[in-house]
């Protein structure tokens, strides 16, 4: 009899955990839909950075997407005016939640690819377009 009670408790706890995970993923998807529902932002990037080859812009956006573990086809869903921390908060709306080190991975990508140390960036509300400008500034000085 006690074995059945234990099994019932385990099933109950498992059900709560699974339900919580499903609800969390559904809410995350809703928060990210702001980005995913957009059409391609390539024109925005091209208008903001005329003369910069599309491939250079895509490489930067790929470094961002890789850092955040977004698929390749999501790269051009992000605008030059998107704040990195807004995207991060769409993934993790509550402070103190454990994350998958997205910011840190993006920082490593920028350091390895462009030599940009974002730890020195004081603007915590920086937009992707400004980070891209910073990578271009580094490349033109070297």
C-alpha atoms as a PDB file:
ATOM      1  CA  UNK A   1       0.000   0.000   0.000  1.00  0.00           C
ATOM      2  CA  UNK A   2       2.768   2.467   0.879  1.00  0.00           C
ATOM      3  CA  UNK A   3       4.422   1.625  -2.444  1.00  0.00           C
ATOM      4  CA  UNK A   4       1.318   2.842  -4.274  1.00  0.00           C
ATOM      5  CA  UNK A   5       1.312   6.044  -2.223  1.00  0.00           C
ATOM      6  CA  UNK A   6       4.948   6.689  -3.146  1.00  0.00           C
ATOM      7  CA  UNK A   7       4.215   6.060  -6.814  1.00  0.00           C
ATOM      8  CA  UNK A   8       1.244   8.439  -6.608  1.00  0.00           C
ATOM      9  CA  UNK A   9       3.395  11.134  -5.017  1.00  0.00           C
ATOM     10  CA  UNK A  10       6.100  10.691  -7.654  1.00  0.00           C
ATOM     11  CA  UNK A  11       3.531  10.881 -10.467  1.00  0.00           C
ATOM     12  CA  UNK A  12       1.993  13.990  -8.895  1.00  0.00           C
ATOM     13  CA  UNK A  13       5.355  15.746  -8.574  1.00  0.00           C
ATOM     14  CA  UNK A  14       6.333  14.750 -12.117  1.00  0.00           C
ATOM     15  CA  UNK A  15       3.031  16.124 -13.426  1.00  0.00           C
ATOM     16  CA  UNK A  16       3.622  19.451 -11.687  1.00  0.00           C
ATOM     17  CA  UNK A  17       7.165  19.675 -13.069  1.00  0.00           C
ATOM     18  CA  UNK A  18       6.085  18.837 -16.632  1.00  0.00           C
ATOM     19  CA  UNK A  19       3.189  21.304 -16.492  1.00  0.00           C
ATOM     20  CA  UNK A  20       5.489  24.051 -15.200  1.00  0.00           C
ATOM     21  CA  UNK A  21       8.020  23.409 -17.974  1.00  0.00           C
ATOM     22  CA  UNK A  22       5.302  23.486 -20.646  1.00  0.00           C
ATOM     23  CA  UNK A  23       3.859  26.741 -19.310  1.00  0.00           C
ATOM     24  CA  UNK A  24       7.332  28.307 -19.065  1.00  0.00           C
ATOM     25  CA  UNK A  25       8.177  27.355 -22.657  1.00  0.00           C
ATOM     26  CA  UNK A  26       4.824  28.672 -23.900  1.00  0.00           C
ATOM     27  CA  UNK A  27       5.344  32.021 -22.164  1.00  0.00           C
ATOM     28  CA  UNK A  28       8.915  32.264 -23.478  1.00  0.00           C
ATOM     29  CA  UNK A  29       7.681  31.609 -27.002  1.00  0.00           C
ATOM     30  CA  UNK A  30       5.127  34.432 -26.622  1.00  0.00           C
ATOM     31  CA  UNK A  31       7.827  36.845 -25.451  1.00  0.00           C
ATOM     32  CA  UNK A  32      10.101  35.905 -28.360  1.00  0.00           C
ATOM     33  CA  UNK A  33       7.268  36.204 -30.887  1.00  0.00           C
ATOM     34  CA  UNK A  34       7.971  39.944 -30.924  1.00  0.00           C
ATOM     35  CA  UNK A  35      11.079  38.998 -32.885  1.00  0.00           C
ATOM     36  CA  UNK A  36       9.969  35.833 -34.651  1.00  0.00           C
ATOM     37  CA  UNK A  37       6.893  37.463 -36.224  1.00  0.00           C
ATOM     38  CA  UNK A  38       9.034  40.053 -38.003  1.00  0.00           C
ATOM     39  CA  UNK A  39       9.930  39.824 -41.618  1.00  0.00           C
ATOM     40  CA  UNK A  40      13.592  39.963 -42.617  1.00  0.00           C
ATOM     41  CA  UNK A  41      15.406  42.985 -41.144  1.00  0.00           C
ATOM     42  CA  UNK A  42      18.170  42.904 -43.749  1.00  0.00           C
ATOM     43  CA  UNK A  43      16.931  46.144 -45.323  1.00  0.00           C
ATOM     44  CA  UNK A  44      17.076  47.907 -41.932  1.00  0.00           C
ATOM     45  CA  UNK A  45      20.666  46.778 -41.470  1.00  0.00           C
ATOM     46  CA  UNK A  46      21.578  47.773 -45.023  1.00  0.00           C
ATOM     47  CA  UNK A  47      20.013  51.223 -44.610  1.00  0.00           C
ATOM     48  CA  UNK A  48      21.768  51.765 -41.288  1.00  0.00           C
ATOM     49  CA  UNK A  49      25.122  50.567 -42.614  1.00  0.00           C
ATOM     50  CA  UNK A  50      25.276  51.422 -46.321  1.00  0.00           C
ATOM     51  CA  UNK A  51      28.323  50.100 -48.064  1.00  0.00           C
ATOM     52  CA  UNK A  52      28.805  47.258 -45.605  1.00  0.00           C
ATOM     53  CA  UNK A  53      28.474  43.920 -47.414  1.00  0.00           C
ATOM     54  CA  UNK A  54      25.456  41.845 -46.422  1.00  0.00           C
ATOM     55  CA  UNK A  55      27.756  38.957 -45.562  1.00  0.00           C
ATOM     56  CA  UNK A  56      29.570  41.074 -42.945  1.00  0.00           C
ATOM     57  CA  UNK A  57      26.253  41.966 -41.308  1.00  0.00           C
ATOM     58  CA  UNK A  58      25.115  38.340 -41.398  1.00  0.00           C
ATOM     59  CA  UNK A  59      28.370  37.199 -39.770  1.00  0.00           C
ATOM     60  CA  UNK A  60      27.808  39.610 -36.888  1.00  0.00           C
ATOM     61  CA  UNK A  61      24.191  38.516 -36.487  1.00  0.00           C
ATOM     62  CA  UNK A  62      25.296  34.885 -36.613  1.00  0.00           C
ATOM     63  CA  UNK A  63      27.715  35.546 -33.749  1.00  0.00           C
ATOM     64  CA  UNK A  64      24.774  36.967 -31.814  1.00  0.00           C
ATOM     65  CA  UNK A  65      22.426  34.111 -32.719  1.00  0.00           C
ATOM     66  CA  UNK A  66      25.080  31.510 -31.867  1.00  0.00           C
ATOM     67  CA  UNK A  67      25.648  33.128 -28.485  1.00  0.00           C
ATOM     68  CA  UNK A  68      21.952  32.969 -27.717  1.00  0.00           C
ATOM     69  CA  UNK A  69      21.510  29.503 -29.250  1.00  0.00           C
ATOM     70  CA  UNK A  70      19.043  30.765 -31.854  1.00  0.00           C
ATOM     71  CA  UNK A  71      18.871  28.967 -35.178  1.00  0.00           C
ATOM     72  CA  UNK A  72      20.570  30.433 -38.252  1.00  0.00           C
ATOM     73  CA  UNK A  73      17.286  31.397 -39.877  1.00  0.00           C
ATOM     74  CA  UNK A  74      16.473  33.649 -36.893  1.00  0.00           C
ATOM     75  CA  UNK A  75      19.503  35.930 -37.464  1.00  0.00           C
ATOM     76  CA  UNK A  76      17.738  38.469 -39.626  1.00  0.00           C
ATOM     77  CA  UNK A  77      14.781  38.745 -37.249  1.00  0.00           C
ATOM     78  CA  UNK A  78      16.823  41.115 -35.106  1.00  0.00           C
ATOM     79  CA  UNK A  79      16.919  44.832 -35.817  1.00  0.00           C
ATOM     80  CA  UNK A  80      19.843  47.209 -35.338  1.00  0.00           C
ATOM     81  CA  UNK A  81      17.684  48.947 -32.696  1.00  0.00           C
ATOM     82  CA  UNK A  82      17.071  45.816 -30.600  1.00  0.00           C
ATOM     83  CA  UNK A  83      18.573  45.986 -27.144  1.00  0.00           C
ATOM     84  CA  UNK A  84      20.622  42.925 -26.254  1.00  0.00           C
ATOM     85  CA  UNK A  85      19.198  42.932 -22.728  1.00  0.00           C
ATOM     86  CA  UNK A  86      15.598  43.089 -23.996  1.00  0.00           C
ATOM     87  CA  UNK A  87      16.234  39.904 -25.948  1.00  0.00           C
ATOM     88  CA  UNK A  88      17.892  38.353 -22.900  1.00  0.00           C
ATOM     89  CA  UNK A  89      14.924  39.379 -20.725  1.00  0.00           C
ATOM     90  CA  UNK A  90      12.552  37.766 -23.219  1.00  0.00           C
ATOM     91  CA  UNK A  91      14.360  34.523 -22.435  1.00  0.00           C
ATOM     92  CA  UNK A  92      14.721  35.157 -18.688  1.00  0.00           C
ATOM     93  CA  UNK A  93      12.129  37.644 -17.426  1.00  0.00           C
ATOM     94  CA  UNK A  94      12.881  37.107 -13.732  1.00  0.00           C
ATOM     95  CA  UNK A  95      16.162  38.309 -12.315  1.00  0.00           C
ATOM     96  CA  UNK A  96      18.179  35.642 -10.593  1.00  0.00           C
ATOM     97  CA  UNK A  97      16.965  32.775 -12.755  1.00  0.00           C
ATOM     98  CA  UNK A  98      19.718  30.477 -13.952  1.00  0.00           C
ATOM     99  CA  UNK A  99      20.512  30.969 -17.616  1.00  0.00           C
ATOM    100  CA  UNK A 100      22.489  29.207 -20.313  1.00  0.00           C
ATOM    101  CA  UNK A 101      25.232  31.879 -20.347  1.00  0.00           C
ATOM    102  CA  UNK A 102      23.915  33.533 -23.507  1.00  0.00           C
ATOM    103  CA  UNK A 103      25.461  36.943 -22.788  1.00  0.00           C
ATOM    104  CA  UNK A 104      28.776  35.362 -21.865  1.00  0.00           C
ATOM    105  CA  UNK A 105      28.787  33.187 -24.994  1.00  0.00           C
ATOM    106  CA  UNK A 106      27.966  36.195 -27.185  1.00  0.00           C
ATOM    107  CA  UNK A 107      30.774  38.112 -25.470  1.00  0.00           C
ATOM    108  CA  UNK A 108      33.214  35.281 -26.216  1.00  0.00           C
ATOM    109  CA  UNK A 109      32.055  35.246 -29.846  1.00  0.00           C
ATOM    110  CA  UNK A 110      32.661  39.007 -30.163  1.00  0.00           C
ATOM    111  CA  UNK A 111      36.067  38.749 -28.509  1.00  0.00           C
ATOM    112  CA  UNK A 112      37.202  35.842 -30.709  1.00  0.00           C
ATOM    113  CA  UNK A 113      35.815  37.158 -33.996  1.00  0.00           C
ATOM    114  CA  UNK A 114      36.342  40.914 -33.636  1.00  0.00           C
ATOM    115  CA  UNK A 115      38.557  41.492 -30.613  1.00  0.00           C
ATOM    116  CA  UNK A 116      35.699  43.378 -28.931  1.00  0.00           C
ATOM    117  CA  UNK A 117      35.613  43.116 -25.143  1.00  0.00           C
ATOM    118  CA  UNK A 118      32.021  43.932 -24.219  1.00  0.00           C
ATOM    119  CA  UNK A 119      32.896  43.742 -20.540  1.00  0.00           C
ATOM    120  CA  UNK A 120      34.268  47.244 -21.073  1.00  0.00           C
ATOM    121  CA  UNK A 121      30.974  48.496 -22.513  1.00  0.00           C
ATOM    122  CA  UNK A 122      29.275  50.571 -19.859  1.00  0.00           C
ATOM    123  CA  UNK A 123      25.879  50.875 -21.573  1.00  0.00           C
ATOM    124  CA  UNK A 124      23.821  47.956 -20.284  1.00  0.00           C
ATOM    125  CA  UNK A 125      21.007  48.882 -22.675  1.00  0.00           C
ATOM    126  CA  UNK A 126      23.231  48.731 -25.763  1.00  0.00           C
ATOM    127  CA  UNK A 127      21.593  47.983 -29.083  1.00  0.00           C
ATOM    128  CA  UNK A 128      22.817  45.486 -31.652  1.00  0.00           C
ATOM    129  CA  UNK A 129      23.509  48.246 -34.164  1.00  0.00           C
ATOM    130  CA  UNK A 130      25.919  49.989 -31.781  1.00  0.00           C
ATOM    131  CA  UNK A 131      27.753  46.724 -31.085  1.00  0.00           C
ATOM    132  CA  UNK A 132      28.040  46.185 -34.832  1.00  0.00           C
ATOM    133  CA  UNK A 133      29.472  49.704 -35.199  1.00  0.00           C
ATOM    134  CA  UNK A 134      32.017  48.898 -32.520  1.00  0.00           C
ATOM    135  CA  UNK A 135      33.134  45.777 -34.381  1.00  0.00           C
ATOM    136  CA  UNK A 136      33.534  47.858 -37.544  1.00  0.00           C
ATOM    137  CA  UNK A 137      35.566  50.482 -35.692  1.00  0.00           C
ATOM    138  CA  UNK A 138      37.938  47.801 -34.414  1.00  0.00           C
ATOM    139  CA  UNK A 139      38.321  46.282 -37.866  1.00  0.00           C
ATOM    140  CA  UNK A 140      39.119  49.616 -39.514  1.00  0.00           C
ATOM    141  CA  UNK A 141      41.767  50.493 -36.909  1.00  0.00           C
ATOM    142  CA  UNK A 142      43.612  47.189 -37.341  1.00  0.00           C
END
